[in-house]
Amino acid sequence: MCSITTSRLIRLLAVTSCLAWAAVAHSDEPKTPAARSCQLFATGLAGHTALCFDDQGNVLATNYRHLGAVGKISEEEGAALLFDAPKAAADQDKASTLVGIALDDDQRILVLDSERGRVLRYTPETKMVTTLADRIQGRRFDSLFAIDIGPGGNIYFSEPERASSEGPNGALYRFDVVTNRPVLLADELDQPTGICLSSNGKTLYLAESGRGQISIYGTDPQDGASEKIAAYFLNLLLDVQNPEELGRLGHIAIDRRNWLYVSLWDRGEVAVIDTDSGKLLEVISCRSNSVFGLALWQDALLMSVPEKEAIFRYDLRPLISRHAP
């Protein structure tokens, strides 16, 4: 069982079929590569780890060595702890659980404190951690999951569930760096978890874990407006008869080919979808029963595996040679 968000996220997610108008065709017989393609990259994780790369190809990882810490892993310089999330004044004994991470254009690190509902930003020059947002219109965020940076440095993040209402009540937000406040983009979502934006910032992909789908939003890089335009139904793409067998979805990432990588959290696999054709290319095994965080660098995919407290590296070049035109 996993513990990266509030206890509400640990309940079995009710995966439902929905929005028939948005279904996308799947490939005939996607291949599942051999597990030996995964190689151990780093150990020493605590809890569930989110990942991203800096401009030099160093890995930034949450919950590295201990909960609430952010570490940097370099193949040349080794590993080092960068900072700890500040503890809440009313709860000094409990460490933060950081489940989302991103890097903005000024090389500042953005992380999400899941259970305390905080968007935190670390500035390397001052070594200071500040809280960008912990509420919207006076309401505190109940839980946060994934974060990404869009055009103009605006920050997108997901809230899987609210305690104050029943049914699908998750939300997608954008933190506007001009007005310095969060804006609601979409609500009544069913367990929104992983998010990522296309390279031009015009498309946002959101994992709706409770519905077993990837919701696709068209975004306007100028004013930040968003509109849902389609969805990938993972049970159809993966040919799973019972959608509940998909379990939870973790983080997602997209590469320069517009291939989308979706963490199948409870299956220990990563689904690779060609967003240009809407087809499933392959399913990558992470050599474990679960996989959480994802990050892409050049032709490699990094995956955090909670039960092994480790990060694994998957060489994408054979996959690319099989499917790239």
C-alpha atoms as a PDB file:
ATOM      1  CA  MET A   1       0.000   0.000   0.000  1.00  0.00           C
ATOM      2  CA  CYS A   2       1.153   3.571  -0.639  1.00  0.00           C
ATOM      3  CA  SER A   3       1.161   6.603   1.581  1.00  0.00           C
ATOM      4  CA  ILE A   4       2.177   9.607  -0.463  1.00  0.00           C
ATOM      5  CA  THR A   5      -1.076  11.518  -0.144  1.00  0.00           C
ATOM      6  CA  THR A   6      -3.748  11.754   2.448  1.00  0.00           C
ATOM      7  CA  SER A   7      -5.401   8.570   3.578  1.00  0.00           C
ATOM      8  CA  ARG A   8      -8.172   9.278   1.123  1.00  0.00           C
ATOM      9  CA  LEU A   9      -5.826   8.500  -1.775  1.00  0.00           C
ATOM     10  CA  ILE A  10      -5.088   5.046  -0.383  1.00  0.00           C
ATOM     11  CA  ARG A  11      -8.637   3.845  -0.873  1.00  0.00           C
ATOM     12  CA  LEU A  12      -9.335   1.663  -3.856  1.00  0.00           C
ATOM     13  CA  LEU A  13     -10.132   3.999  -6.743  1.00  0.00           C
ATOM     14  CA  ALA A  14     -13.437   3.374  -8.480  1.00  0.00           C
ATOM     15  CA  VAL A  15     -12.465   3.332 -12.119  1.00  0.00           C
ATOM     16  CA  THR A  16     -15.442   4.096 -14.341  1.00  0.00           C
ATOM     17  CA  SER A  17     -16.003   4.354 -18.074  1.00  0.00           C
ATOM     18  CA  CYS A  18     -17.095   7.765 -19.307  1.00  0.00           C
ATOM     19  CA  LEU A  19     -17.140  10.304 -22.154  1.00  0.00           C
ATOM     20  CA  ALA A  20     -17.626   7.924 -25.041  1.00  0.00           C
ATOM     21  CA  TRP A  21     -17.125  10.779 -27.482  1.00  0.00           C
ATOM     22  CA  ALA A  22     -13.480  11.036 -26.504  1.00  0.00           C
ATOM     23  CA  ALA A  23     -12.322   7.434 -26.937  1.00  0.00           C
ATOM     24  CA  VAL A  24      -9.116   6.955 -28.892  1.00  0.00           C
ATOM     25  CA  ALA A  25      -8.188   3.936 -30.999  1.00  0.00           C
ATOM     26  CA  HIS A  26      -5.511   1.547 -29.707  1.00  0.00           C
ATOM     27  CA  SER A  27      -2.821  -0.413 -31.469  1.00  0.00           C
ATOM     28  CA  ASP A  28      -3.333  -4.016 -32.404  1.00  0.00           C
ATOM     29  CA  GLU A  29      -0.624  -5.823 -30.456  1.00  0.00           C
ATOM     30  CA  PRO A  30       1.629  -3.553 -28.396  1.00  0.00           C
ATOM     31  CA  LYS A  31       4.790  -5.224 -27.226  1.00  0.00           C
ATOM     32  CA  THR A  32       6.001  -5.509 -23.657  1.00  0.00           C
ATOM     33  CA  PRO A  33       9.818  -5.277 -23.579  1.00  0.00           C
ATOM     34  CA  ALA A  34      11.916  -7.533 -21.376  1.00  0.00           C
ATOM     35  CA  ALA A  35      12.436  -6.304 -17.819  1.00  0.00           C
ATOM     36  CA  ARG A  36      16.209  -6.495 -18.264  1.00  0.00           C
ATOM     37  CA  SER A  37      16.019  -3.184 -20.167  1.00  0.00           C
ATOM     38  CA  CYS A  38      15.706  -1.476 -16.757  1.00  0.00           C
ATOM     39  CA  GLN A  39      18.907  -0.742 -14.883  1.00  0.00           C
ATOM     40  CA  LEU A  40      19.337   0.477 -11.316  1.00  0.00           C
ATOM     41  CA  PHE A  41      20.184   4.200 -11.292  1.00  0.00           C
ATOM     42  CA  ALA A  42      20.045   5.285  -7.629  1.00  0.00           C
ATOM     43  CA  THR A  43      18.908   4.074  -4.231  1.00  0.00           C
ATOM     44  CA  GLY A  44      18.078   5.743  -0.939  1.00  0.00           C
ATOM     45  CA  LEU A  45      14.529   6.916  -1.538  1.00  0.00           C
ATOM     46  CA  ALA A  46      12.063   7.422   1.295  1.00  0.00           C
ATOM     47  CA  GLY A  47       8.399   6.993   0.488  1.00  0.00           C
ATOM     48  CA  HIS A  48       7.179   7.945  -2.961  1.00  0.00           C
ATOM     49  CA  THR A  49       9.491   9.978  -5.122  1.00  0.00           C
ATOM     50  CA  ALA A  50       8.747  12.472  -7.886  1.00  0.00           C
ATOM     51  CA  LEU A  51      11.498  13.244 -10.397  1.00  0.00           C
ATOM     52  CA  CYS A  52      12.650  15.898 -12.834  1.00  0.00           C
ATOM     53  CA  PHE A  53      15.881  16.911 -14.584  1.00  0.00           C
ATOM     54  CA  ASP A  54      17.745  20.201 -14.488  1.00  0.00           C
ATOM     55  CA  ASP A  55      19.388  21.734 -17.561  1.00  0.00           C
ATOM     56  CA  GLN A  56      22.634  19.797 -16.961  1.00  0.00           C
ATOM     57  CA  GLY A  57      20.901  16.428 -16.840  1.00  0.00           C
ATOM     58  CA  ASN A  58      21.090  16.075 -13.064  1.00  0.00           C
ATOM     59  CA  VAL A  59      18.154  14.359 -11.392  1.00  0.00           C
ATOM     60  CA  LEU A  60      16.119  16.236  -8.798  1.00  0.00           C
ATOM     61  CA  ALA A  61      14.208  13.854  -6.533  1.00  0.00           C
ATOM     62  CA  THR A  62      11.725  14.380  -3.708  1.00  0.00           C
ATOM     63  CA  ASN A  63      11.810  12.378  -0.470  1.00  0.00           C
ATOM     64  CA  TYR A  64      15.448  11.542  -1.095  1.00  0.00           C
ATOM     65  CA  ARG A  65      17.110   9.982   1.990  1.00  0.00           C
ATOM     66  CA  HIS A  66      14.186  11.107   4.162  1.00  0.00           C
ATOM     67  CA  LEU A  67      10.657  12.467   3.815  1.00  0.00           C
ATOM     68  CA  GLY A  68      10.410  16.152   3.043  1.00  0.00           C
ATOM     69  CA  ALA A  69      13.884  16.381   1.472  1.00  0.00           C
ATOM     70  CA  VAL A  70      14.873  17.220  -2.094  1.00  0.00           C
ATOM     71  CA  GLY A  71      18.105  15.768  -3.425  1.00  0.00           C
ATOM     72  CA  LYS A  72      20.228  16.149  -6.551  1.00  0.00           C
ATOM     73  CA  ILE A  73      21.750  13.072  -8.178  1.00  0.00           C
ATOM     74  CA  SER A  74      24.577  13.588 -10.630  1.00  0.00           C
ATOM     75  CA  GLU A  75      26.387  10.802 -12.462  1.00  0.00           C
ATOM     76  CA  GLU A  76      29.585  12.878 -12.294  1.00  0.00           C
ATOM     77  CA  GLU A  77      29.365  14.456  -8.851  1.00  0.00           C
ATOM     78  CA  GLY A  78      27.304  11.917  -6.933  1.00  0.00           C
ATOM     79  CA  ALA A  79      24.304  12.731  -4.763  1.00  0.00           C
ATOM     80  CA  ALA A  80      23.607  15.581  -2.345  1.00  0.00           C
ATOM     81  CA  LEU A  81      20.686  16.899  -0.324  1.00  0.00           C
ATOM     82  CA  LEU A  82      19.525  20.346  -1.462  1.00  0.00           C
ATOM     83  CA  PHE A  83      16.882  21.360   1.061  1.00  0.00           C
ATOM     84  CA  ASP A  84      14.148  20.256   3.428  1.00  0.00           C
ATOM     85  CA  ALA A  85      10.596  21.482   3.247  1.00  0.00           C
ATOM     86  CA  PRO A  86       9.793  23.710   6.230  1.00  0.00           C
ATOM     87  CA  LYS A  87       7.554  22.022   8.772  1.00  0.00           C
ATOM     88  CA  ALA A  88       4.188  23.478   9.641  1.00  0.00           C
ATOM     89  CA  ALA A  89       4.169  25.510  12.855  1.00  0.00           C
ATOM     90  CA  ALA A  90       1.315  23.463  14.277  1.00  0.00           C
ATOM     91  CA  ASP A  91       2.842  20.096  13.409  1.00  0.00           C
ATOM     92  CA  GLN A  92       6.603  20.200  13.911  1.00  0.00           C
ATOM     93  CA  ASP A  93       6.909  16.465  14.535  1.00  0.00           C
ATOM     94  CA  LYS A  94       5.560  15.387  11.152  1.00  0.00           C
ATOM     95  CA  ALA A  95       7.721  15.511   8.037  1.00  0.00           C
ATOM     96  CA  SER A  96       6.283  16.715   4.743  1.00  0.00           C
ATOM     97  CA  THR A  97       5.602  14.239   1.969  1.00  0.00           C
ATOM     98  CA  LEU A  98       6.702  15.837  -1.302  1.00  0.00           C
ATOM     99  CA  VAL A  99       5.027  14.162  -4.266  1.00  0.00           C
ATOM    100  CA  GLY A 100       5.423  16.587  -7.163  1.00  0.00           C
ATOM    101  CA  ILE A 101       8.465  18.468  -8.502  1.00  0.00           C
ATOM    102  CA  ALA A 102       9.270  20.801 -11.387  1.00  0.00           C
ATOM    103  CA  LEU A 103      11.936  23.336 -12.362  1.00  0.00           C
ATOM    104  CA  ASP A 104      11.030  26.811 -13.638  1.00  0.00           C
ATOM    105  CA  ASP A 105      12.888  28.916 -16.201  1.00  0.00           C
ATOM    106  CA  ASP A 106      14.915  30.609 -13.441  1.00  0.00           C
ATOM    107  CA  GLN A 107      16.109  27.224 -12.147  1.00  0.00           C
ATOM    108  CA  ARG A 108      13.968  27.463  -9.033  1.00  0.00           C
ATOM    109  CA  ILE A 109      12.603  24.169  -7.739  1.00  0.00           C
ATOM    110  CA  LEU A 110       8.851  23.809  -7.243  1.00  0.00           C
ATOM    111  CA  VAL A 111       7.582  20.993  -5.018  1.00  0.00           C
ATOM    112  CA  LEU A 112       4.188  19.935  -3.692  1.00  0.00           C
ATOM    113  CA  ASP A 113       3.640  19.090  -0.045  1.00  0.00           C
ATOM    114  CA  SER A 114       0.795  16.658  -0.471  1.00  0.00           C
ATOM    115  CA  GLU A 115      -0.812  16.310   2.923  1.00  0.00           C
ATOM    116  CA  ARG A 116      -0.402  19.951   3.938  1.00  0.00           C
ATOM    117  CA  GLY A 117      -1.617  21.188   0.558  1.00  0.00           C
ATOM    118  CA  ARG A 118       1.298  23.551  -0.116  1.00  0.00           C
ATOM    119  CA  VAL A 119       3.039  24.675  -3.297  1.00  0.00           C
ATOM    120  CA  LEU A 120       6.636  25.400  -2.264  1.00  0.00           C
ATOM    121  CA  ARG A 121       9.448  27.114  -4.169  1.00  0.00           C
ATOM    122  CA  TYR A 122      13.181  26.831  -3.482  1.00  0.00           C
ATOM    123  CA  THR A 123      15.526  29.560  -4.730  1.00  0.00           C
ATOM    124  CA  PRO A 124      19.135  28.295  -5.039  1.00  0.00           C
ATOM    125  CA  GLU A 125      20.730  31.753  -4.719  1.00  0.00           C
ATOM    126  CA  THR A 126      19.180  32.460  -1.332  1.00  0.00           C
ATOM    127  CA  LYS A 127      18.603  28.844  -0.296  1.00  0.00           C
ATOM    128  CA  MET A 128      15.167  29.933   0.874  1.00  0.00           C
ATOM    129  CA  VAL A 129      11.936  27.895   0.661  1.00  0.00           C
ATOM    130  CA  THR A 130       8.746  29.920   0.369  1.00  0.00           C
ATOM    131  CA  THR A 131       5.079  28.948   0.149  1.00  0.00           C
ATOM    132  CA  LEU A 132       3.551  30.123  -3.127  1.00  0.00           C
ATOM    133  CA  ALA A 133       0.039  28.873  -2.430  1.00  0.00           C
ATOM    134  CA  ASP A 134      -1.792  26.770   0.120  1.00  0.00           C
ATOM    135  CA  ARG A 135      -5.396  27.810  -0.555  1.00  0.00           C
ATOM    136  CA  ILE A 136      -7.780  29.199  -3.127  1.00  0.00           C
ATOM    137  CA  GLN A 137     -10.523  31.695  -2.312  1.00  0.00           C
ATOM    138  CA  GLY A 138      -9.920  31.083   1.380  1.00  0.00           C
ATOM    139  CA  ARG A 139     -10.150  27.284   1.180  1.00  0.00           C
ATOM    140  CA  ARG A 140      -7.032  25.296   1.964  1.00  0.00           C
ATOM    141  CA  PHE A 141      -5.950  22.649  -0.500  1.00  0.00           C
ATOM    142  CA  ASP A 142      -6.693  19.201   0.928  1.00  0.00           C
ATOM    143  CA  SER A 143      -4.092  17.238  -1.051  1.00  0.00           C
ATOM    144  CA  LEU A 144      -1.798  17.926  -3.998  1.00  0.00           C
ATOM    145  CA  PHE A 145      -0.103  15.550  -6.427  1.00  0.00           C
ATOM    146  CA  ALA A 146       1.644  16.713  -9.622  1.00  0.00           C
ATOM    147  CA  ILE A 147       3.072  19.977 -10.951  1.00  0.00           C
ATOM    148  CA  ASP A 148       4.385  21.318 -14.266  1.00  0.00           C
ATOM    149  CA  ILE A 149       5.544  24.658 -15.672  1.00  0.00           C
ATOM    150  CA  GLY A 150       3.767  26.259 -18.618  1.00  0.00           C
ATOM    151  CA  PRO A 151       4.382  29.260 -20.889  1.00  0.00           C
ATOM    152  CA  GLY A 152       5.332  32.453 -19.088  1.00  0.00           C
ATOM    153  CA  GLY A 153       6.377  30.467 -16.028  1.00  0.00           C
ATOM    154  CA  ASN A 154       2.785  29.786 -14.951  1.00  0.00           C
ATOM    155  CA  ILE A 155       2.486  26.749 -12.701  1.00  0.00           C
ATOM    156  CA  TYR A 156      -0.052  23.973 -13.194  1.00  0.00           C
ATOM    157  CA  PHE A 157      -0.889  21.504 -10.428  1.00  0.00           C
ATOM    158  CA  SER A 158      -3.509  18.929  -9.461  1.00  0.00           C
ATOM    159  CA  GLU A 159      -5.582  18.342  -6.333  1.00  0.00           C
ATOM    160  CA  PRO A 160      -6.832  14.731  -6.285  1.00  0.00           C
ATOM    161  CA  GLU A 161      -9.616  15.063  -3.749  1.00  0.00           C
ATOM    162  CA  ARG A 162     -11.393  17.449  -1.405  1.00  0.00           C
ATOM    163  CA  ALA A 163     -12.620  16.439   2.026  1.00  0.00           C
ATOM    164  CA  SER A 164     -15.567  18.805   1.955  1.00  0.00           C
ATOM    165  CA  SER A 165     -17.679  17.123  -0.741  1.00  0.00           C
ATOM    166  CA  GLU A 166     -18.603  13.699  -2.080  1.00  0.00           C
ATOM    167  CA  GLY A 167     -18.102  12.142  -5.501  1.00  0.00           C
ATOM    168  CA  PRO A 168     -15.547  13.262  -8.078  1.00  0.00           C
ATOM    169  CA  ASN A 169     -14.270  16.502  -6.582  1.00  0.00           C
ATOM    170  CA  GLY A 170     -10.649  16.809  -7.682  1.00  0.00           C
ATOM    171  CA  ALA A 171      -9.394  19.900  -9.457  1.00  0.00           C
ATOM    172  CA  LEU A 172      -6.777  21.319 -11.811  1.00  0.00           C
ATOM    173  CA  TYR A 173      -5.209  24.714 -11.089  1.00  0.00           C
ATOM    174  CA  ARG A 174      -2.870  27.254 -12.626  1.00  0.00           C
ATOM    175  CA  PHE A 175      -0.794  29.539 -10.425  1.00  0.00           C
ATOM    176  CA  ASP A 176      -0.588  32.833 -12.309  1.00  0.00           C
ATOM    177  CA  VAL A 177       2.861  34.354 -11.767  1.00  0.00           C
ATOM    178  CA  VAL A 178       1.611  37.831 -12.766  1.00  0.00           C
ATOM    179  CA  THR A 179      -1.269  38.013 -10.294  1.00  0.00           C
ATOM    180  CA  ASN A 180       0.553  35.754  -7.797  1.00  0.00           C
ATOM    181  CA  ARG A 181      -2.525  33.640  -7.101  1.00  0.00           C
ATOM    182  CA  PRO A 182      -3.996  30.264  -8.130  1.00  0.00           C
ATOM    183  CA  VAL A 183      -6.847  29.988 -10.632  1.00  0.00           C
ATOM    184  CA  LEU A 184      -9.263  27.061 -10.960  1.00  0.00           C
ATOM    185  CA  LEU A 185      -9.098  25.523 -14.457  1.00  0.00           C
ATOM    186  CA  ALA A 186     -11.282  22.427 -14.051  1.00  0.00           C
ATOM    187  CA  ASP A 187     -13.182  20.776 -11.219  1.00  0.00           C
ATOM    188  CA  GLU A 188     -15.371  17.729 -10.596  1.00  0.00           C
ATOM    189  CA  LEU A 189     -12.430  15.597 -11.724  1.00  0.00           C
ATOM    190  CA  ASP A 190     -12.088  12.008 -10.534  1.00  0.00           C
ATOM    191  CA  GLN A 191      -8.745  11.651  -8.726  1.00  0.00           C
ATOM    192  CA  PRO A 192      -6.571  13.866 -10.973  1.00  0.00           C
ATOM    193  CA  THR A 193      -2.958  12.823 -10.441  1.00  0.00           C
ATOM    194  CA  GLY A 194      -0.158  13.165 -13.016  1.00  0.00           C
ATOM    195  CA  ILE A 195      -0.012  16.192 -15.332  1.00  0.00           C
ATOM    196  CA  CYS A 196       2.297  17.389 -18.096  1.00  0.00           C
ATOM    197  CA  LEU A 197       2.251  19.992 -20.849  1.00  0.00           C
ATOM    198  CA  SER A 198       3.374  19.678 -24.450  1.00  0.00           C
ATOM    199  CA  SER A 199       6.562  21.509 -25.416  1.00  0.00           C
ATOM    200  CA  ASN A 200       4.628  24.440 -26.910  1.00  0.00           C
ATOM    201  CA  GLY A 201       2.338  24.696 -23.903  1.00  0.00           C
ATOM    202  CA  LYS A 202      -0.798  24.348 -26.012  1.00  0.00           C
ATOM    203  CA  THR A 203      -1.838  20.911 -24.749  1.00  0.00           C
ATOM    204  CA  LEU A 204      -2.117  19.681 -21.174  1.00  0.00           C
ATOM    205  CA  TYR A 205      -2.424  15.991 -20.300  1.00  0.00           C
ATOM    206  CA  LEU A 206      -4.033  15.032 -17.010  1.00  0.00           C
ATOM    207  CA  ALA A 207      -4.315  11.525 -15.521  1.00  0.00           C
ATOM    208  CA  GLU A 208      -7.792  11.054 -14.054  1.00  0.00           C
ATOM    209  CA  SER A 209      -7.052   8.019 -11.969  1.00  0.00           C
ATOM    210  CA  GLY A 210     -10.629   7.403 -10.832  1.00  0.00           C
ATOM    211  CA  ARG A 211     -11.801   7.175 -14.428  1.00  0.00           C
ATOM    212  CA  GLY A 212      -8.779   5.295 -15.744  1.00  0.00           C
ATOM    213  CA  GLN A 213      -8.174   7.865 -18.448  1.00  0.00           C
ATOM    214  CA  ILE A 214      -5.891  10.629 -19.653  1.00  0.00           C
ATOM    215  CA  SER A 215      -7.903  13.805 -20.133  1.00  0.00           C
ATOM    216  CA  ILE A 216      -6.571  16.190 -22.777  1.00  0.00           C
ATOM    217  CA  TYR A 217      -6.979  19.966 -22.518  1.00  0.00           C
ATOM    218  CA  GLY A 218      -6.272  22.584 -25.111  1.00  0.00           C
ATOM    219  CA  THR A 219      -4.639  25.600 -23.455  1.00  0.00           C
ATOM    220  CA  ASP A 220      -4.050  29.152 -24.621  1.00  0.00           C
ATOM    221  CA  PRO A 221      -0.446  30.152 -23.853  1.00  0.00           C
ATOM    222  CA  GLN A 222      -1.496  33.826 -23.819  1.00  0.00           C
ATOM    223  CA  ASP A 223      -4.370  33.915 -21.345  1.00  0.00           C
ATOM    224  CA  GLY A 224      -4.082  30.434 -19.820  1.00  0.00           C
ATOM    225  CA  ALA A 225      -7.634  29.445 -20.740  1.00  0.00           C
ATOM    226  CA  SER A 226      -8.204  25.695 -21.054  1.00  0.00           C
ATOM    227  CA  GLU A 227     -10.834  23.447 -22.594  1.00  0.00           C
ATOM    228  CA  LYS A 228     -11.158  19.679 -22.517  1.00  0.00           C
ATOM    229  CA  ILE A 229     -10.908  18.319 -26.044  1.00  0.00           C
ATOM    230  CA  ALA A 230     -10.432  14.534 -25.788  1.00  0.00           C
ATOM    231  CA  ALA A 231      -9.420  11.597 -23.585  1.00  0.00           C
ATOM    232  CA  TYR A 232      -7.442   8.373 -23.829  1.00  0.00           C
ATOM    233  CA  PHE A 233      -9.293   5.469 -22.194  1.00  0.00           C
ATOM    234  CA  LEU A 234      -6.553   3.282 -20.774  1.00  0.00           C
ATOM    235  CA  ASN A 235      -8.693   0.168 -20.336  1.00  0.00           C
ATOM    236  CA  LEU A 236      -9.356   0.243 -24.102  1.00  0.00           C
ATOM    237  CA  LEU A 237      -5.741   0.936 -24.999  1.00  0.00           C
ATOM    238  CA  LEU A 238      -4.496  -1.817 -22.687  1.00  0.00           C
ATOM    239  CA  ASP A 239      -7.335  -4.212 -23.553  1.00  0.00           C
ATOM    240  CA  VAL A 240      -8.339  -4.563 -19.905  1.00  0.00           C
ATOM    241  CA  GLN A 241     -11.867  -5.924 -19.523  1.00  0.00           C
ATOM    242  CA  ASN A 242     -12.421  -4.661 -15.976  1.00  0.00           C
ATOM    243  CA  PRO A 243     -11.300  -1.010 -15.671  1.00  0.00           C
ATOM    244  CA  GLU A 244     -10.725  -1.471 -11.930  1.00  0.00           C
ATOM    245  CA  GLU A 245      -7.783  -3.729 -12.782  1.00  0.00           C
ATOM    246  CA  LEU A 246      -5.880  -0.623 -13.901  1.00  0.00           C
ATOM    247  CA  GLY A 247      -5.580   0.547 -10.304  1.00  0.00           C
ATOM    248  CA  ARG A 248      -4.135   3.976  -9.633  1.00  0.00           C
ATOM    249  CA  LEU A 249      -2.238   6.202 -12.045  1.00  0.00           C
ATOM    250  CA  GLY A 250       0.934   8.007 -10.989  1.00  0.00           C
ATOM    251  CA  HIS A 251       2.963  10.639 -12.809  1.00  0.00           C
ATOM    252  CA  ILE A 252       3.067  11.178 -16.567  1.00  0.00           C
ATOM    253  CA  ALA A 253       5.634  12.701 -18.952  1.00  0.00           C
ATOM    254  CA  ILE A 254       5.866  13.579 -22.640  1.00  0.00           C
ATOM    255  CA  ASP A 255       8.921  13.525 -24.937  1.00  0.00           C
ATOM    256  CA  ARG A 256       9.918  15.488 -28.025  1.00  0.00           C
ATOM    257  CA  ARG A 257       8.158  12.941 -30.285  1.00  0.00           C
ATOM    258  CA  ASN A 258       4.877  13.631 -28.488  1.00  0.00           C
ATOM    259  CA  TRP A 259       4.955  10.181 -26.949  1.00  0.00           C
ATOM    260  CA  LEU A 260       3.184  10.161 -23.608  1.00  0.00           C
ATOM    261  CA  TYR A 261       4.494   7.998 -20.748  1.00  0.00           C
ATOM    262  CA  VAL A 262       1.866   7.021 -18.158  1.00  0.00           C
ATOM    263  CA  SER A 263       2.785   5.479 -14.822  1.00  0.00           C
ATOM    264  CA  LEU A 264       0.454   2.545 -14.064  1.00  0.00           C
ATOM    265  CA  TRP A 265       1.088   2.895 -10.353  1.00  0.00           C
ATOM    266  CA  ASP A 266      -0.380  -0.376  -9.092  1.00  0.00           C
ATOM    267  CA  ARG A 267       0.770  -2.492 -12.057  1.00  0.00           C
ATOM    268  CA  GLY A 268       4.453  -1.605 -12.015  1.00  0.00           C
ATOM    269  CA  GLU A 269       4.306  -0.619 -15.672  1.00  0.00           C
ATOM    270  CA  VAL A 270       4.526   2.444 -17.891  1.00  0.00           C
ATOM    271  CA  ALA A 271       2.228   2.761 -20.905  1.00  0.00           C
ATOM    272  CA  VAL A 272       3.690   4.607 -23.911  1.00  0.00           C
ATOM    273  CA  ILE A 273       1.105   6.367 -26.101  1.00  0.00           C
ATOM    274  CA  ASP A 274       1.765   8.093 -29.423  1.00  0.00           C
ATOM    275  CA  THR A 275      -0.374  11.214 -29.005  1.00  0.00           C
ATOM    276  CA  ASP A 276      -0.256  11.967 -32.750  1.00  0.00           C
ATOM    277  CA  SER A 277      -1.991   8.685 -33.624  1.00  0.00           C
ATOM    278  CA  GLY A 278      -3.652   7.913 -30.286  1.00  0.00           C
ATOM    279  CA  LYS A 279      -2.161   4.396 -30.319  1.00  0.00           C
ATOM    280  CA  LEU A 280      -0.475   2.441 -27.561  1.00  0.00           C
ATOM    281  CA  LEU A 281       3.111   1.751 -28.606  1.00  0.00           C
ATOM    282  CA  GLU A 282       4.408  -0.462 -25.813  1.00  0.00           C
ATOM    283  CA  VAL A 283       4.112  -1.230 -22.113  1.00  0.00           C
ATOM    284  CA  ILE A 284       7.353  -0.939 -20.132  1.00  0.00           C
ATOM    285  CA  SER A 285       7.900  -3.101 -17.067  1.00  0.00           C
ATOM    286  CA  CYS A 286       9.732  -1.540 -14.118  1.00  0.00           C
ATOM    287  CA  ARG A 287      10.618  -4.899 -12.517  1.00  0.00           C
ATOM    288  CA  SER A 288       8.317  -4.289  -9.565  1.00  0.00           C
ATOM    289  CA  ASN A 289       4.694  -4.232  -8.448  1.00  0.00           C
ATOM    290  CA  SER A 290       4.507  -0.445  -8.474  1.00  0.00           C
ATOM    291  CA  VAL A 291       5.957   2.597 -10.212  1.00  0.00           C
ATOM    292  CA  PHE A 292       5.371   6.221  -9.253  1.00  0.00           C
ATOM    293  CA  GLY A 293       7.538   9.066 -10.568  1.00  0.00           C
ATOM    294  CA  LEU A 294       8.727   9.536 -14.167  1.00  0.00           C
ATOM    295  CA  ALA A 295      11.277  11.807 -15.828  1.00  0.00           C
ATOM    296  CA  LEU A 296      12.737  11.971 -19.352  1.00  0.00           C
ATOM    297  CA  TRP A 297      16.237  12.990 -20.402  1.00  0.00           C
ATOM    298  CA  GLN A 298      17.415  12.590 -23.995  1.00  0.00           C
ATOM    299  CA  ASP A 299      16.618   8.942 -24.835  1.00  0.00           C
ATOM    300  CA  ALA A 300      16.227   7.622 -21.295  1.00  0.00           C
ATOM    301  CA  LEU A 301      13.264   7.253 -18.955  1.00  0.00           C
ATOM    302  CA  LEU A 302      13.755   7.300 -15.193  1.00  0.00           C
ATOM    303  CA  MET A 303      11.182   5.620 -12.961  1.00  0.00           C
ATOM    304  CA  SER A 304      10.905   5.685  -9.173  1.00  0.00           C
ATOM    305  CA  VAL A 305       9.972   2.314  -7.647  1.00  0.00           C
ATOM    306  CA  PRO A 306       8.685   2.722  -4.069  1.00  0.00           C
ATOM    307  CA  GLU A 307       9.001  -0.872  -2.879  1.00  0.00           C
ATOM    308  CA  LYS A 308      12.657  -0.983  -3.926  1.00  0.00           C
ATOM    309  CA  GLU A 309      13.348   2.543  -2.625  1.00  0.00           C
ATOM    310  CA  ALA A 310      15.179   3.128  -5.870  1.00  0.00           C
ATOM    311  CA  ILE A 311      15.209   4.818  -9.249  1.00  0.00           C
ATOM    312  CA  PHE A 312      15.581   2.724 -12.404  1.00  0.00           C
ATOM    313  CA  ARG A 313      16.782   3.873 -15.809  1.00  0.00           C
ATOM    314  CA  TYR A 314      15.196   2.559 -19.009  1.00  0.00           C
ATOM    315  CA  ASP A 315      17.020   2.960 -22.333  1.00  0.00           C
ATOM    316  CA  LEU A 316      14.433   4.174 -24.852  1.00  0.00           C
ATOM    317  CA  ARG A 317      16.578   3.767 -27.956  1.00  0.00           C
ATOM    318  CA  PRO A 318      15.355   0.245 -28.824  1.00  0.00           C
ATOM    319  CA  LEU A 319      11.734   1.385 -28.365  1.00  0.00           C
ATOM    320  CA  ILE A 320      12.382   4.418 -30.553  1.00  0.00           C
ATOM    321  CA  SER A 321      13.955   2.302 -33.283  1.00  0.00           C
ATOM    322  CA  ARG A 322      10.897   0.041 -33.301  1.00  0.00           C
ATOM    323  CA  HIS A 323       8.343   2.832 -33.640  1.00  0.00           C
ATOM    324  CA  ALA A 324       9.920   6.073 -34.880  1.00  0.00           C
ATOM    325  CA  PRO A 325       9.270   6.779 -38.574  1.00  0.00           C
END
